[in-house]
Structures are given as structure tokens and as C-alpha cells.
């Protein structure tokens, strides 16, 4: 086992203790503590308590306590229990009671890894339920916590949600320390700082802030700290809990906190002065602050040549406009503005709509809802058949609807192109508001035609320009306009022309390229 220096200090101030046990001191009698633990935890089967007796003494001289499945039982037996069982007989009862607690613990536990002391039951439970081994010595009003955690976790594998053709394939896991190590492997700088807090009255979930000192804005960093400290909730099971509780505009459809599964994406955001929020038990890392433009950027943009990356990025912008406005434009033109169409196309559309009993709006509504149902069914079904069901179901239902005269063939084409365009967005969280707003634009198009679409789009732009992400403009660098940040907005400039970091999330170090 890796040996570290003995650290005889109390639990970190960030360790949130159980409030009902915070002021209850640890009893000097080992047996009393064991009875209390067994009663408080209801005699749970996974609570392992092993006593150590000195010869001729009835009461336990020491005890080792851990949770089966959270701690490394083999290491506990080899490096803690066996060592104590061998060493304790060298100390009689008087030595156990009078010898300085720290000195005795250092003699007995030397070489067992990092050891911390706690003096109340709240801290003891916090460390025990986090996977640490607890050591109790008779006559000591302290418990000694050995960090020998071991639980099963998912291996570092390729992300299934954010795929990449070129670039690193690794993605985050549900283990916090694995995730922080994946980022540290990419940014080997001592200015990469971590701060960990515990959130959740019952789950005691570790939440880690990660930022580069000197790049992150101090006021943004402090705002993130303040919002995390104000969270009062029983449990945090995923980073989505944190995202919903700390975002600026909680009633907006648009996410103002970016999330990703890719370590290289997080490393790139940290190098631009942003703050990463990692949550124990989830592979999604939050990034704050963020801008609208970030949701259109893919990590692959930075691994390809600038011309190809810029072309793909503009293609994504065009696809989003198609996904958002294409059905509504079709409804508005075929309902109110038929004179905008060439005569041949108008005749073709009229022939297709002959016999269709519904107006264009209800026709589009039926097809859009049907496709959303098929998409959701494909996501929830087993992967082996989910994709096949969604694709085949769309083809069969669309063809059958056209043959039955319920919808026109042109409407099937419009809905299909719209649905495919939605998948070009790298960030799934941004595709959800686009899908919702598509129905809103269809409604205003059916009511007011192109005038309704223009007014709806104007209101949408006003809303986006009013949004803030941790005090930073959400639509920057477009509004307000930031000339320096446009180097990586609509297009990506070549690497050798990107001299400065973004102004929107900048600390003190603004230079990307060093002269020496």
C-alpha cells in the first residue's frame, strides 16, 4: 500500500456533518460507541465491526469499523486489523488511557495511509458512509479515519452521447476522482485548483469546483461558490440537480449552464477561463459561465483544419434554423402566402393536398407529434431494437399516412428534413428548447403567417439577449459584440491567428501564444 505521512488533523471544513449527530462526542469506551453505531444504523448487514481485546481485559481495546462494499476489506485486514491485533498487546490498559492520543495512534497506525481524526459522531458517520475505515481506541475521545475506499465503478470508455471522429475517445465516469484525474492529465499546471463541498442533507454528495487560477474571473468564481453554498436539499443524485438550482433564469427554456461528458471539452473550457463543476456519481460535468455559441461548437472543430471546421459550424447554424422554422414557413406560405410560390410548385402542392381533410397546421402537428413519440420510444427501448423501431416506424407510418390521405407527401418531407436537422446539434440540451419552440412557431404561423414568424423570432432574440449566465451575457460575443471573441464564434480562425483568450470569461492571463 502506498504510504503517506500521518496527518493528525480534524475533518475538512467542507465535510458537511449530520446535524443531529454534530454535537455528540465520541465515547472513550469502545463498546458504547459500537452499540450506538449498531442502533443508529439499524443493525445493517453491511456494517462490519471487528473488536480487538488485550489479554485479561474483557472490554474491547480497539475496534475497526467499515461498510462492506465501500471499503477495501482485504487492505483493512492486512494493514489495519492485523497490525492492531499484533501491536495492541504491547500496551497495557494504563498506557492506552494515558498515552497521548496522537502519539499512540501514530505508533499503531504508522504506514496505513492517510489518517484523520474526528471528535464527534457526525463526522464519524460522514467518513464511514464515504467508504473510510474507522478505528476506535479505548480511552480516546477520537476516532481515526483511514481512507481505504474501494467501490466498483464503470471503466473509462468512449462516450455514446457525444461521439467524435477525430480526437480523444475517453469520457467521464461516475467516480469523482477518476474524472478529476482525467482533466489533470490534460492540464499539467499547478494553477489548476480544486475546491470540494458537500451538498445534500442525506446523500452527502461531493461537488468539486475546478478552475485555473488567474484565468477564471474572480467575481464569477465567487458567484458559483455562493450559489452552491445556498443549496439546501436532501439529496443530489445527478449534476442536473445542481444545474437547475444554480442557473440564472430558472423559467427560460434555454440552458444557461453547459454540460459535457468529454474531458477534452472541459479542459478547453477551463483554458478559456471558465469554471467546471464535477458531481460525484454522474459522468456529466457542468461548465459556467457559458454562451449560446458554445452549444454549437464541437470538440472536433478544434482537431480539424479551420476551413472544414468553420464549414461544419455554419452548417449547424443553418440546420438549427431549418429545425426551428421550416415547418412554420411551410404552414405560413401554403396557408397565407401562396403567391410567393412558383406556379408549377403551387400546382404540385395543391394536387398533393387534394383529399387531405386537415389544414396544413394540423397536418404538421400530427406528423411532428408522431415523430416525437417515435423518437422517445426509440430512446427508451433496448438499444438492440430501439433504433430500428424508430427508423422503420417513421417510414411505415409516413408512407401509410400519405396513402391513407391523412397527410400530404410534401409534409412528410418537411417533417423528415426538420427532424434530421435537429440531430446536427452537438449539445442535446440545446435541441430540447428548439423542438419545443418549433410548435410555438407553427402556431403563430397558422394564426398570422409570415408576420407572426417574424414577430415570434424578434421576441425570441430579445429573450436570448436578456439572458445571463452567472452574470455574463448569454448571447456574447454577438450581443454585446466582442470583436476579439469572434475569432471562435460563427467560424474558427486558424490556430496561429488566435492570440487572445475570450474577453467574456477572462481573468488576468489573456495570452494564448507564448513568445518563449
Protein backbone atom coordinates (compact mmCIF):
# COMPACT_ATOMS: atom_id res chain seq x y z
CA UNK A 1 0.00 0.00 0.00
CA UNK A 2 1.18 3.48 -0.79
CA UNK A 3 2.42 5.09 2.43
CA UNK A 4 1.84 8.72 3.25
CA UNK A 5 2.79 10.87 6.22
CA UNK A 6 0.49 10.72 9.20
CA UNK A 7 -1.85 13.73 9.24
CA UNK A 8 -3.33 14.22 12.69
CA UNK A 9 -5.90 16.88 11.90
CA UNK A 10 -9.65 17.14 12.06
CA UNK A 11 -12.01 16.64 9.14
CA UNK A 12 -12.01 19.21 6.36
CA UNK A 13 -14.23 22.20 6.90
CA UNK A 14 -16.02 21.26 3.68
CA UNK A 15 -17.22 17.98 5.17
CA UNK A 16 -20.86 18.54 5.92
CA UNK A 17 -21.72 16.66 9.10
CA UNK A 18 -25.05 15.14 10.01
CA UNK A 19 -26.60 17.93 12.10
CA UNK A 20 -28.37 15.59 14.53
CA UNK A 21 -25.03 13.99 15.48
CA UNK A 22 -22.73 17.01 15.12
CA UNK A 23 -22.52 17.83 18.81
CA UNK A 24 -22.41 14.27 20.17
CA UNK A 25 -18.85 13.46 21.30
CA UNK A 26 -17.24 10.09 20.78
CA UNK A 27 -17.35 7.97 23.93
CA UNK A 28 -13.97 6.84 25.36
CA UNK A 29 -15.50 3.36 25.84
CA UNK A 30 -15.27 1.42 22.57
CA UNK A 31 -18.22 -0.82 23.45
CA UNK A 32 -20.54 2.15 23.95
CA UNK A 33 -19.63 3.53 20.53
CA UNK A 34 -20.26 0.18 18.87
CA UNK A 35 -23.69 -0.12 20.48
CA UNK A 36 -24.55 3.41 19.38
CA UNK A 37 -23.48 2.77 15.77
CA UNK A 38 -25.38 -0.50 15.62
CA UNK A 39 -28.53 1.15 16.98
CA UNK A 40 -28.33 4.21 14.72
CA UNK A 41 -27.81 2.11 11.60
CA UNK A 42 -30.46 -0.44 12.49
CA UNK A 43 -28.06 -3.37 12.67
CA UNK A 44 -27.46 -3.21 8.90
CA UNK A 45 -25.76 -6.29 7.47
CA UNK A 46 -23.12 -4.33 5.60
CA UNK A 47 -21.87 -2.59 8.76
CA UNK A 48 -18.76 -4.55 9.75
CA UNK A 49 -17.42 -4.09 13.33
CA UNK A 50 -14.36 -6.07 14.42
CA UNK A 51 -13.17 -5.86 18.02
CA UNK A 52 -9.65 -6.29 19.39
CA UNK A 53 -9.11 -7.42 23.01
CA UNK A 54 -5.99 -7.27 25.14
CA UNK A 55 -5.29 -10.38 27.16
CA UNK A 56 -7.01 -10.28 30.53
CA UNK A 57 -9.27 -7.34 29.66
CA UNK A 58 -12.94 -8.04 28.99
CA UNK A 59 -13.80 -4.80 27.25
CA UNK A 60 -12.58 -4.11 23.73
CA UNK A 61 -9.29 -2.25 23.50
CA UNK A 62 -9.92 -1.23 19.89
CA UNK A 63 -12.35 -1.74 17.05
CA UNK A 64 -12.23 -1.42 13.27
CA UNK A 65 -15.48 -0.38 11.57
CA UNK A 66 -16.25 -0.15 7.87
CA UNK A 67 -19.03 -0.57 5.32
CA UNK A 68 -18.79 -3.73 3.26
CA UNK A 69 -18.63 -2.83 -0.43
CA UNK A 70 -17.39 0.73 0.12
CA UNK A 71 -14.05 -0.06 1.74
CA UNK A 72 -11.22 -2.37 0.71
CA UNK A 73 -11.76 -5.26 3.12
CA UNK A 74 -8.51 -7.01 2.15
CA UNK A 75 -6.44 -3.89 2.83
CA UNK A 76 -8.23 -3.34 6.14
CA UNK A 77 -7.46 -6.87 7.27
CA UNK A 78 -3.83 -6.70 6.20
CA UNK A 79 -2.83 -3.15 7.09
CA UNK A 80 -5.16 -2.22 9.94
CA UNK A 81 -6.76 -5.11 11.80
CA UNK A 82 -3.75 -7.46 11.75
CA UNK A 83 -1.38 -4.63 12.67
CA UNK A 84 -3.54 -3.54 15.60
CA UNK A 85 -4.06 -7.12 16.74
CA UNK A 86 -0.29 -7.57 16.83
CA UNK A 87 0.64 -4.16 18.28
CA UNK A 88 -2.01 -3.56 20.95
CA UNK A 89 -0.84 -6.30 23.38
CA UNK A 90 2.39 -4.28 23.80
CA UNK A 91 0.38 -1.58 25.58
CA UNK A 92 -1.38 -2.32 28.85
CA UNK A 93 -4.60 -0.66 29.90
CA UNK A 94 -2.87 2.24 31.66
CA UNK A 95 -0.80 3.08 28.57
CA UNK A 96 -3.94 3.03 26.46
CA UNK A 97 -5.58 5.54 28.76
CA UNK A 98 -2.70 7.91 29.46
CA UNK A 99 -0.50 7.97 26.37
CA UNK A 100 -1.09 10.99 24.15
CA UNK A 101 -3.78 10.11 21.63
CA UNK A 102 -1.87 11.39 18.64
CA UNK A 103 1.39 9.72 19.68
CA UNK A 104 -0.26 6.34 20.30
CA UNK A 105 -2.22 6.50 17.06
CA UNK A 106 0.92 7.40 15.14
CA UNK A 107 2.77 4.42 16.61
CA UNK A 108 -0.04 1.99 15.96
CA UNK A 109 -1.26 3.26 12.59
CA UNK A 110 2.01 4.32 11.01
CA UNK A 111 2.16 3.19 7.37
CA UNK A 112 -1.58 2.67 6.91
CA UNK A 113 -2.09 5.60 4.58
CA UNK A 114 -3.67 9.00 5.27
CA UNK A 115 -5.19 9.08 8.75
CA UNK A 116 -7.51 11.81 10.03
CA UNK A 117 -9.06 12.30 13.46
CA UNK A 118 -12.67 13.21 14.21
CA UNK A 119 -14.18 14.02 17.58
CA UNK A 120 -17.96 13.78 17.04
CA UNK A 121 -20.41 11.24 15.68
CA UNK A 122 -21.49 13.49 12.79
CA UNK A 123 -18.00 13.49 11.30
CA UNK A 124 -17.60 9.79 12.06
CA UNK A 125 -20.76 8.88 10.13
CA UNK A 126 -19.76 11.17 7.24
CA UNK A 127 -16.42 9.41 6.81
CA UNK A 128 -17.75 5.91 7.50
CA UNK A 129 -20.51 6.23 4.88
CA UNK A 130 -17.99 7.67 2.40
CA UNK A 131 -16.07 4.39 2.46
CA UNK A 132 -13.37 5.12 5.03
CA UNK A 133 -12.37 2.68 7.77
CA UNK A 134 -12.95 3.90 11.35
CA UNK A 135 -10.54 2.93 14.12
CA UNK A 136 -11.59 3.32 17.78
CA UNK A 137 -9.09 3.06 20.66
CA UNK A 138 -10.18 2.56 24.28
CA UNK A 139 -9.85 5.70 26.37
CA UNK A 140 -9.64 8.03 23.36
CA UNK A 141 -12.33 10.58 22.59
CA UNK A 142 -11.28 10.49 18.96
CA UNK A 143 -11.97 8.22 16.01
CA UNK A 144 -9.26 7.64 13.42
CA UNK A 145 -10.34 7.54 9.78
CA UNK A 146 -8.27 5.64 7.22
CA UNK A 147 -9.01 6.43 3.58
CA UNK A 148 -9.22 2.91 2.14
CA UNK A 149 -12.18 3.31 -0.13
CA UNK A 150 -12.96 0.81 -2.84
CA UNK A 151 -16.17 0.56 -4.78
CA UNK A 152 -16.98 -0.75 -8.19
CA UNK A 153 -17.12 1.85 -10.94
CA UNK A 154 -17.50 1.99 -14.69
CA UNK A 155 -14.32 1.94 -16.71
CA UNK A 156 -13.27 4.94 -18.78
CA UNK A 157 -14.88 4.25 -22.16
CA UNK A 158 -15.95 6.14 -25.27
CA UNK A 159 -18.96 8.42 -24.92
CA UNK A 160 -22.12 7.15 -26.59
CA UNK A 161 -23.87 10.55 -26.49
CA UNK A 162 -21.10 12.85 -27.77
CA UNK A 163 -19.25 10.99 -30.50
CA UNK A 164 -16.11 12.19 -32.26
CA UNK A 165 -14.35 11.04 -35.43
CA UNK A 166 -11.03 12.64 -34.59
CA UNK A 167 -9.78 13.38 -31.08
CA UNK A 168 -9.75 11.64 -27.68
CA UNK A 169 -12.40 8.96 -27.20
CA UNK A 170 -12.40 8.80 -23.39
CA UNK A 171 -15.35 10.10 -21.40
CA UNK A 172 -16.13 10.75 -17.76
CA UNK A 173 -17.36 8.07 -15.36
CA UNK A 174 -19.44 8.17 -12.19
CA UNK A 175 -16.35 8.33 -9.93
CA UNK A 176 -15.33 11.87 -8.95
CA UNK A 177 -11.61 11.22 -8.52
CA UNK A 178 -11.41 9.44 -11.85
CA UNK A 179 -12.97 12.48 -13.51
CA UNK A 180 -10.63 14.98 -11.88
CA UNK A 181 -7.64 12.84 -12.85
CA UNK A 182 -8.78 12.77 -16.50
CA UNK A 183 -8.69 16.57 -16.54
CA UNK A 184 -5.36 16.80 -14.70
CA UNK A 185 -3.81 14.52 -17.30
CA UNK A 186 -4.60 17.17 -19.92
CA UNK A 187 -3.74 20.31 -17.91
CA UNK A 188 -0.48 19.75 -16.03
CA UNK A 189 -0.37 23.14 -14.36
CA UNK A 190 -0.21 23.84 -10.61
CA UNK A 191 -2.68 26.69 -11.12
CA UNK A 192 -5.42 24.13 -11.78
CA UNK A 193 -7.17 24.33 -8.41
CA UNK A 194 -9.91 22.19 -6.89
CA UNK A 195 -12.43 23.07 -4.19
CA UNK A 196 -14.78 20.42 -2.82
CA UNK A 197 -18.01 20.98 -0.93
CA UNK A 198 -20.59 18.51 0.30
CA UNK A 199 -24.20 19.07 -0.72
CA UNK A 200 -27.26 17.10 0.29
CA UNK A 201 -28.57 16.58 3.80
CA UNK A 202 -28.90 12.82 3.29
CA UNK A 203 -26.80 11.90 0.24
CA UNK A 204 -23.71 13.93 1.28
CA UNK A 205 -22.69 14.27 -2.36
CA UNK A 206 -19.22 15.67 -3.06
CA UNK A 207 -19.26 18.55 -5.54
CA UNK A 208 -15.90 19.81 -6.83
CA UNK A 209 -15.15 23.18 -8.40
CA UNK A 210 -12.28 23.07 -10.87
CA UNK A 211 -10.70 26.19 -12.34
CA UNK A 212 -7.37 27.65 -13.40
CA UNK A 213 -6.27 30.35 -11.00
CA UNK A 214 -5.55 33.54 -12.93
CA UNK A 215 -7.80 32.62 -15.86
CA UNK A 216 -11.18 32.35 -14.15
CA UNK A 217 -12.87 35.63 -13.30
CA UNK A 218 -12.83 36.11 -9.51
CA UNK A 219 -16.37 37.52 -9.40
CA UNK A 220 -17.74 34.61 -11.47
CA UNK A 221 -15.90 32.11 -9.28
CA UNK A 222 -17.29 33.71 -6.13
CA UNK A 223 -20.79 33.70 -7.59
CA UNK A 224 -20.53 29.96 -8.26
CA UNK A 225 -19.35 29.38 -4.69
CA UNK A 226 -22.20 31.45 -3.26
CA UNK A 227 -24.89 29.67 -5.26
CA UNK A 228 -23.58 26.23 -4.31
CA UNK A 229 -23.43 27.21 -0.64
CA UNK A 230 -27.10 28.27 -0.70
CA UNK A 231 -28.35 24.88 -1.89
CA UNK A 232 -30.39 23.24 0.87
CA UNK A 233 -31.76 19.91 -0.28
CA UNK A 234 -31.98 16.32 0.97
CA UNK A 235 -30.17 14.71 -1.93
CA UNK A 236 -28.10 15.29 -5.07
CA UNK A 237 -28.17 12.28 -7.41
CA UNK A 238 -27.02 13.90 -10.63
CA UNK A 239 -25.46 17.11 -11.91
CA UNK A 240 -28.90 18.04 -13.28
CA UNK A 241 -29.96 18.81 -9.69
CA UNK A 242 -27.11 21.31 -9.37
CA UNK A 243 -27.73 22.81 -12.82
CA UNK A 244 -31.38 23.52 -12.05
CA UNK A 245 -30.58 25.10 -8.68
CA UNK A 246 -27.77 27.45 -9.74
CA UNK A 247 -28.81 28.71 -13.20
CA UNK A 248 -29.68 32.39 -13.62
CA UNK A 249 -33.08 32.32 -15.33
CA UNK A 250 -34.94 29.31 -13.98
CA UNK A 251 -38.02 29.85 -16.19
CA UNK A 252 -36.20 30.05 -19.51
CA UNK A 253 -36.32 27.16 -21.97
CA UNK A 254 -32.65 27.66 -22.80
CA UNK A 255 -29.93 26.13 -20.62
CA UNK A 256 -27.50 28.70 -19.20
CA UNK A 257 -25.14 26.04 -17.84
CA UNK A 258 -23.25 23.84 -20.31
CA UNK A 259 -22.75 20.13 -19.63
CA UNK A 260 -20.48 17.59 -21.29
CA UNK A 261 -19.12 14.06 -20.89
CA UNK A 262 -15.78 14.76 -22.59
CA UNK A 263 -12.62 15.58 -20.58
CA UNK A 264 -11.02 17.40 -23.54
CA UNK A 265 -14.08 19.63 -23.80
CA UNK A 266 -13.80 20.55 -20.12
CA UNK A 267 -10.05 21.16 -20.47
CA UNK A 268 -10.69 23.51 -23.38
CA UNK A 269 -13.32 25.42 -21.41
CA UNK A 270 -11.00 25.72 -18.39
CA UNK A 271 -8.29 27.17 -20.62
CA UNK A 272 -10.77 29.88 -21.62
CA UNK A 273 -11.28 30.92 -18.00
CA UNK A 274 -14.46 29.04 -17.18
CA UNK A 275 -15.31 27.02 -14.07
CA UNK A 276 -16.09 23.28 -14.11
CA UNK A 277 -18.47 21.70 -11.60
CA UNK A 278 -17.98 17.95 -11.07
CA UNK A 279 -20.55 15.95 -9.11
CA UNK A 280 -19.91 12.57 -7.52
CA UNK A 281 -21.98 9.83 -9.15
CA UNK A 282 -22.54 11.39 -12.58
CA UNK A 283 -20.48 11.47 -15.80
CA UNK A 284 -21.78 14.92 -16.82
CA UNK A 285 -19.63 17.91 -15.89
CA UNK A 286 -21.15 21.40 -15.72
CA UNK A 287 -19.40 24.45 -17.19
CA UNK A 288 -20.11 28.02 -16.06
CA UNK A 289 -20.46 30.62 -17.39
CA UNK A 290 -21.47 29.67 -20.91
CA UNK A 291 -22.70 31.34 -24.09
CA UNK A 292 -25.24 30.38 -26.71
CA UNK A 293 -22.43 29.88 -29.20
CA UNK A 294 -20.88 27.13 -27.04
CA UNK A 295 -23.78 24.77 -27.73
CA UNK A 296 -22.98 24.89 -31.46
CA UNK A 297 -19.29 24.11 -31.01
CA UNK A 298 -17.98 20.58 -31.13
CA UNK A 299 -14.64 19.45 -29.72
CA UNK A 300 -13.92 18.04 -33.15
CA UNK A 301 -13.89 21.60 -34.53
CA UNK A 302 -10.53 22.11 -32.85
CA UNK A 303 -8.95 18.91 -34.22
CA UNK A 304 -9.84 19.55 -37.87
CA UNK A 305 -8.44 22.13 -40.29
CA UNK A 306 -10.02 25.53 -39.82
CA UNK A 307 -11.83 25.63 -43.20
CA UNK A 308 -13.53 22.29 -42.65
CA UNK A 309 -14.40 23.12 -39.01
CA UNK A 310 -15.84 26.52 -39.98
CA UNK A 311 -17.93 24.97 -42.77
CA UNK A 312 -19.39 22.39 -40.40
CA UNK A 313 -20.13 25.03 -37.79
CA UNK A 314 -22.04 27.19 -40.29
CA UNK A 315 -23.87 24.05 -41.40
CA UNK A 316 -25.02 23.55 -37.80
CA UNK A 317 -26.34 27.10 -37.61
CA UNK A 318 -28.28 26.57 -40.82
CA UNK A 319 -29.63 23.25 -39.57
CA UNK A 320 -30.92 24.85 -36.37
CA UNK A 321 -32.83 27.46 -38.37
CA UNK A 322 -34.30 24.69 -40.51
CA UNK A 323 -35.27 22.67 -37.44
CA UNK A 324 -36.86 25.70 -35.80
CA UNK A 325 -38.61 27.42 -38.72
CA UNK A 326 -39.06 25.03 -41.65
CA UNK A 327 -42.50 23.61 -40.66
CA UNK A 328 -43.80 27.06 -39.71
CA UNK A 329 -42.60 28.57 -43.01
CA UNK A 330 -44.34 25.77 -44.92
CA UNK A 331 -47.56 26.38 -42.98
CA UNK A 332 -47.42 30.17 -43.46
CA UNK A 333 -46.70 30.02 -47.19
CA UNK A 334 -49.24 27.32 -48.06
CA UNK A 335 -51.94 28.96 -45.91
CA UNK A 336 -51.47 32.74 -46.37
CA UNK A 337 -48.78 33.45 -48.97
CA UNK A 338 -49.36 31.08 -51.88
CA UNK A 339 -48.43 33.82 -54.33
CA UNK A 340 -44.80 33.51 -53.19
CA UNK A 341 -44.54 30.06 -54.79
CA UNK A 342 -43.84 29.36 -58.48
CA UNK A 343 -46.94 28.29 -60.34
CA UNK A 344 -45.64 24.77 -61.05
CA UNK A 345 -44.77 24.15 -57.37
CA UNK A 346 -48.09 25.58 -56.24
CA UNK A 347 -49.97 23.26 -58.57
CA UNK A 348 -47.95 20.27 -57.35
CA UNK A 349 -48.66 21.07 -53.70
CA UNK A 350 -52.34 21.64 -54.40
CA UNK A 351 -52.56 18.25 -56.12
CA UNK A 352 -50.90 16.55 -53.17
CA UNK A 353 -53.23 18.22 -50.67
CA UNK A 354 -56.33 17.24 -52.62
CA UNK A 355 -58.33 14.94 -50.40
CA UNK A 356 -56.36 15.75 -47.21
CA UNK A 357 -59.06 16.58 -44.62
CA UNK A 358 -56.87 18.76 -42.34
CA UNK A 359 -55.39 22.22 -42.76
CA UNK A 360 -51.61 22.48 -43.01
CA UNK A 361 -51.19 23.32 -39.31
CA UNK A 362 -52.98 20.21 -38.03
CA UNK A 363 -51.27 18.14 -40.70
CA UNK A 364 -47.85 19.31 -39.44
CA UNK A 365 -48.91 18.93 -35.82
CA UNK A 366 -49.93 15.30 -36.34
CA UNK A 367 -46.66 14.41 -38.06
CA UNK A 368 -44.45 16.28 -35.55
CA UNK A 369 -46.13 14.67 -32.53
CA UNK A 370 -45.92 11.25 -34.18
CA UNK A 371 -42.22 11.68 -34.84
CA UNK A 372 -41.56 12.87 -31.26
CA UNK A 373 -43.35 9.77 -29.94
CA UNK A 374 -41.25 7.52 -32.18
CA UNK A 375 -38.05 9.29 -31.12
CA UNK A 376 -38.88 8.91 -27.42
CA UNK A 377 -39.82 5.25 -27.92
CA UNK A 378 -36.51 4.63 -29.69
CA UNK A 379 -34.60 6.14 -26.75
CA UNK A 380 -36.43 4.13 -24.07
CA UNK A 381 -36.45 0.77 -25.82
CA UNK A 382 -33.49 -1.64 -25.65
CA UNK A 383 -30.63 -0.41 -27.84
CA UNK A 384 -30.67 -3.53 -29.99
CA UNK A 385 -34.13 -2.71 -31.37
CA UNK A 386 -34.70 0.93 -30.40
CA UNK A 387 -33.03 2.50 -33.43
CA UNK A 388 -34.64 0.01 -35.82
CA UNK A 389 -38.11 0.68 -34.37
CA UNK A 390 -37.75 4.46 -34.66
CA UNK A 391 -36.48 4.38 -38.26
CA UNK A 392 -38.81 1.67 -39.55
CA UNK A 393 -41.74 3.14 -37.64
CA UNK A 394 -41.20 6.55 -39.21
CA UNK A 395 -41.00 5.14 -42.73
CA UNK A 396 -44.01 2.84 -42.36
CA UNK A 397 -46.25 5.38 -40.62
CA UNK A 398 -45.28 8.18 -43.02
CA UNK A 399 -45.96 6.06 -46.11
CA UNK A 400 -49.22 4.75 -44.67
CA UNK A 401 -50.38 8.27 -43.75
CA UNK A 402 -49.74 9.52 -47.29
CA UNK A 403 -51.53 6.56 -48.89
CA UNK A 404 -54.48 6.99 -46.50
CA UNK A 405 -54.79 10.66 -47.47
CA UNK A 406 -54.26 11.93 -43.91
CA UNK A 407 -51.17 13.99 -44.75
CA UNK A 408 -49.51 15.08 -47.99
CA UNK A 409 -46.18 13.77 -49.25
CA UNK A 410 -44.69 17.29 -49.05
CA UNK A 411 -45.47 17.46 -45.34
CA UNK A 412 -43.68 14.15 -44.73
CA UNK A 413 -40.60 15.58 -46.49
CA UNK A 414 -40.75 18.79 -44.42
CA UNK A 415 -41.03 16.92 -41.12
CA UNK A 416 -38.27 14.47 -42.06
CA UNK A 417 -35.80 17.23 -43.00
CA UNK A 418 -36.71 19.11 -39.81
CA UNK A 419 -36.11 16.06 -37.63
CA UNK A 420 -32.77 15.23 -39.26
CA UNK A 421 -31.60 18.83 -38.85
CA UNK A 422 -32.19 18.61 -35.10
CA UNK A 423 -29.54 15.88 -34.77
CA UNK A 424 -26.76 18.14 -36.06
CA UNK A 425 -26.56 19.97 -32.71
CA UNK A 426 -23.60 18.66 -30.66
CA UNK A 427 -25.35 19.54 -27.37
CA UNK A 428 -28.53 17.56 -26.69
CA UNK A 429 -29.64 20.06 -24.04
CA UNK A 430 -29.98 22.77 -26.70
CA UNK A 431 -32.03 20.60 -29.07
CA UNK A 432 -34.85 20.33 -26.50
CA UNK A 433 -35.82 24.06 -26.50
CA UNK A 434 -35.54 24.08 -30.31
CA UNK A 435 -38.03 21.20 -30.52
CA UNK A 436 -40.42 22.92 -28.11
CA UNK A 437 -40.25 26.30 -29.85
CA UNK A 438 -40.92 24.63 -33.19
CA UNK A 439 -44.51 24.02 -32.06
CA UNK A 440 -44.83 27.65 -30.91
CA UNK A 441 -43.71 28.95 -34.30
CA UNK A 442 -46.10 26.56 -36.04
CA UNK A 443 -48.94 28.06 -34.01
CA UNK A 444 -48.09 31.70 -34.78
CA UNK A 445 -47.54 30.80 -38.45
CA UNK A 446 -51.03 29.26 -38.64
CA UNK A 447 -52.50 32.36 -37.00
CA UNK A 448 -50.59 35.28 -38.52
CA UNK A 449 -48.49 33.89 -41.36
CA UNK A 450 -45.00 35.25 -42.03
CA UNK A 451 -45.76 38.30 -39.89
CA UNK A 452 -46.27 36.01 -36.88
CA UNK A 453 -43.00 34.17 -37.58
CA UNK A 454 -41.05 37.44 -37.84
CA UNK A 455 -42.56 38.80 -34.61
CA UNK A 456 -42.00 35.49 -32.82
CA UNK A 457 -38.38 35.39 -33.92
CA UNK A 458 -37.93 39.01 -32.78
CA UNK A 459 -39.30 38.17 -29.31
CA UNK A 460 -37.03 35.11 -29.16
CA UNK A 461 -33.95 37.23 -29.93
CA UNK A 462 -34.94 39.75 -27.25
CA UNK A 463 -35.25 36.93 -24.72
CA UNK A 464 -31.87 35.43 -25.64
CA UNK A 465 -30.15 38.82 -25.44
CA UNK A 466 -31.63 39.37 -21.97
CA UNK A 467 -30.34 36.04 -20.61
CA UNK A 468 -27.28 35.90 -18.34
CA UNK A 469 -25.05 33.01 -17.36
CA UNK A 470 -23.54 33.80 -13.97
CA UNK A 471 -23.71 37.48 -14.78
CA UNK A 472 -22.16 37.10 -18.25
CA UNK A 473 -24.19 37.86 -21.44
CA UNK A 474 -25.58 34.64 -22.87
CA UNK A 475 -25.51 35.89 -26.49
CA UNK A 476 -21.94 37.19 -26.34
CA UNK A 477 -19.90 37.74 -28.50
CA UNK A 478 -22.78 38.61 -30.84
CA UNK A 479 -24.68 40.74 -28.33
CA UNK A 480 -22.92 42.65 -26.93
CA UNK A 481 -20.46 42.48 -29.80
CA UNK A 482 -16.96 41.36 -28.77
CA UNK A 483 -14.51 41.66 -31.65
CA UNK A 484 -11.81 39.53 -30.02
CA UNK A 485 -14.24 36.68 -29.28
CA UNK A 486 -15.48 36.48 -32.87
CA UNK A 487 -12.32 34.50 -33.70
CA UNK A 488 -14.13 31.39 -32.42
CA UNK A 489 -17.81 32.17 -32.90
CA UNK A 490 -19.50 31.76 -36.27
CA UNK A 491 -16.26 30.46 -37.75
CA UNK A 492 -12.98 29.33 -36.21
CA UNK A 493 -9.87 31.26 -37.14
CA UNK A 494 -6.62 29.33 -37.67
CA UNK A 495 -4.72 28.48 -34.53
CA UNK A 496 -1.86 30.79 -35.39
CA UNK A 497 -4.23 33.79 -35.52
CA UNK A 498 -5.90 33.11 -32.15
CA UNK A 499 -3.64 35.19 -29.92
CA UNK A 500 -6.02 36.15 -27.14
CA UNK A 501 -8.39 34.31 -24.85
CA UNK A 502 -12.11 35.26 -24.86
CA UNK A 503 -12.91 38.57 -23.16
CA UNK A 504 -16.25 37.26 -21.87
CA UNK A 505 -14.71 34.84 -19.34
CA UNK A 506 -11.27 36.19 -18.70
CA UNK A 507 -9.21 36.60 -15.56
CA UNK A 508 -5.75 38.14 -15.69
CA UNK A 509 -3.85 35.98 -18.19
CA UNK A 510 -5.09 36.85 -21.69
CA UNK A 511 -2.36 35.43 -23.94
CA UNK A 512 -2.76 32.04 -25.64
CA UNK A 513 0.52 32.03 -27.57
CA UNK A 514 3.81 32.50 -25.71
CA UNK A 515 6.89 34.03 -27.23
CA UNK A 516 9.20 31.88 -25.15
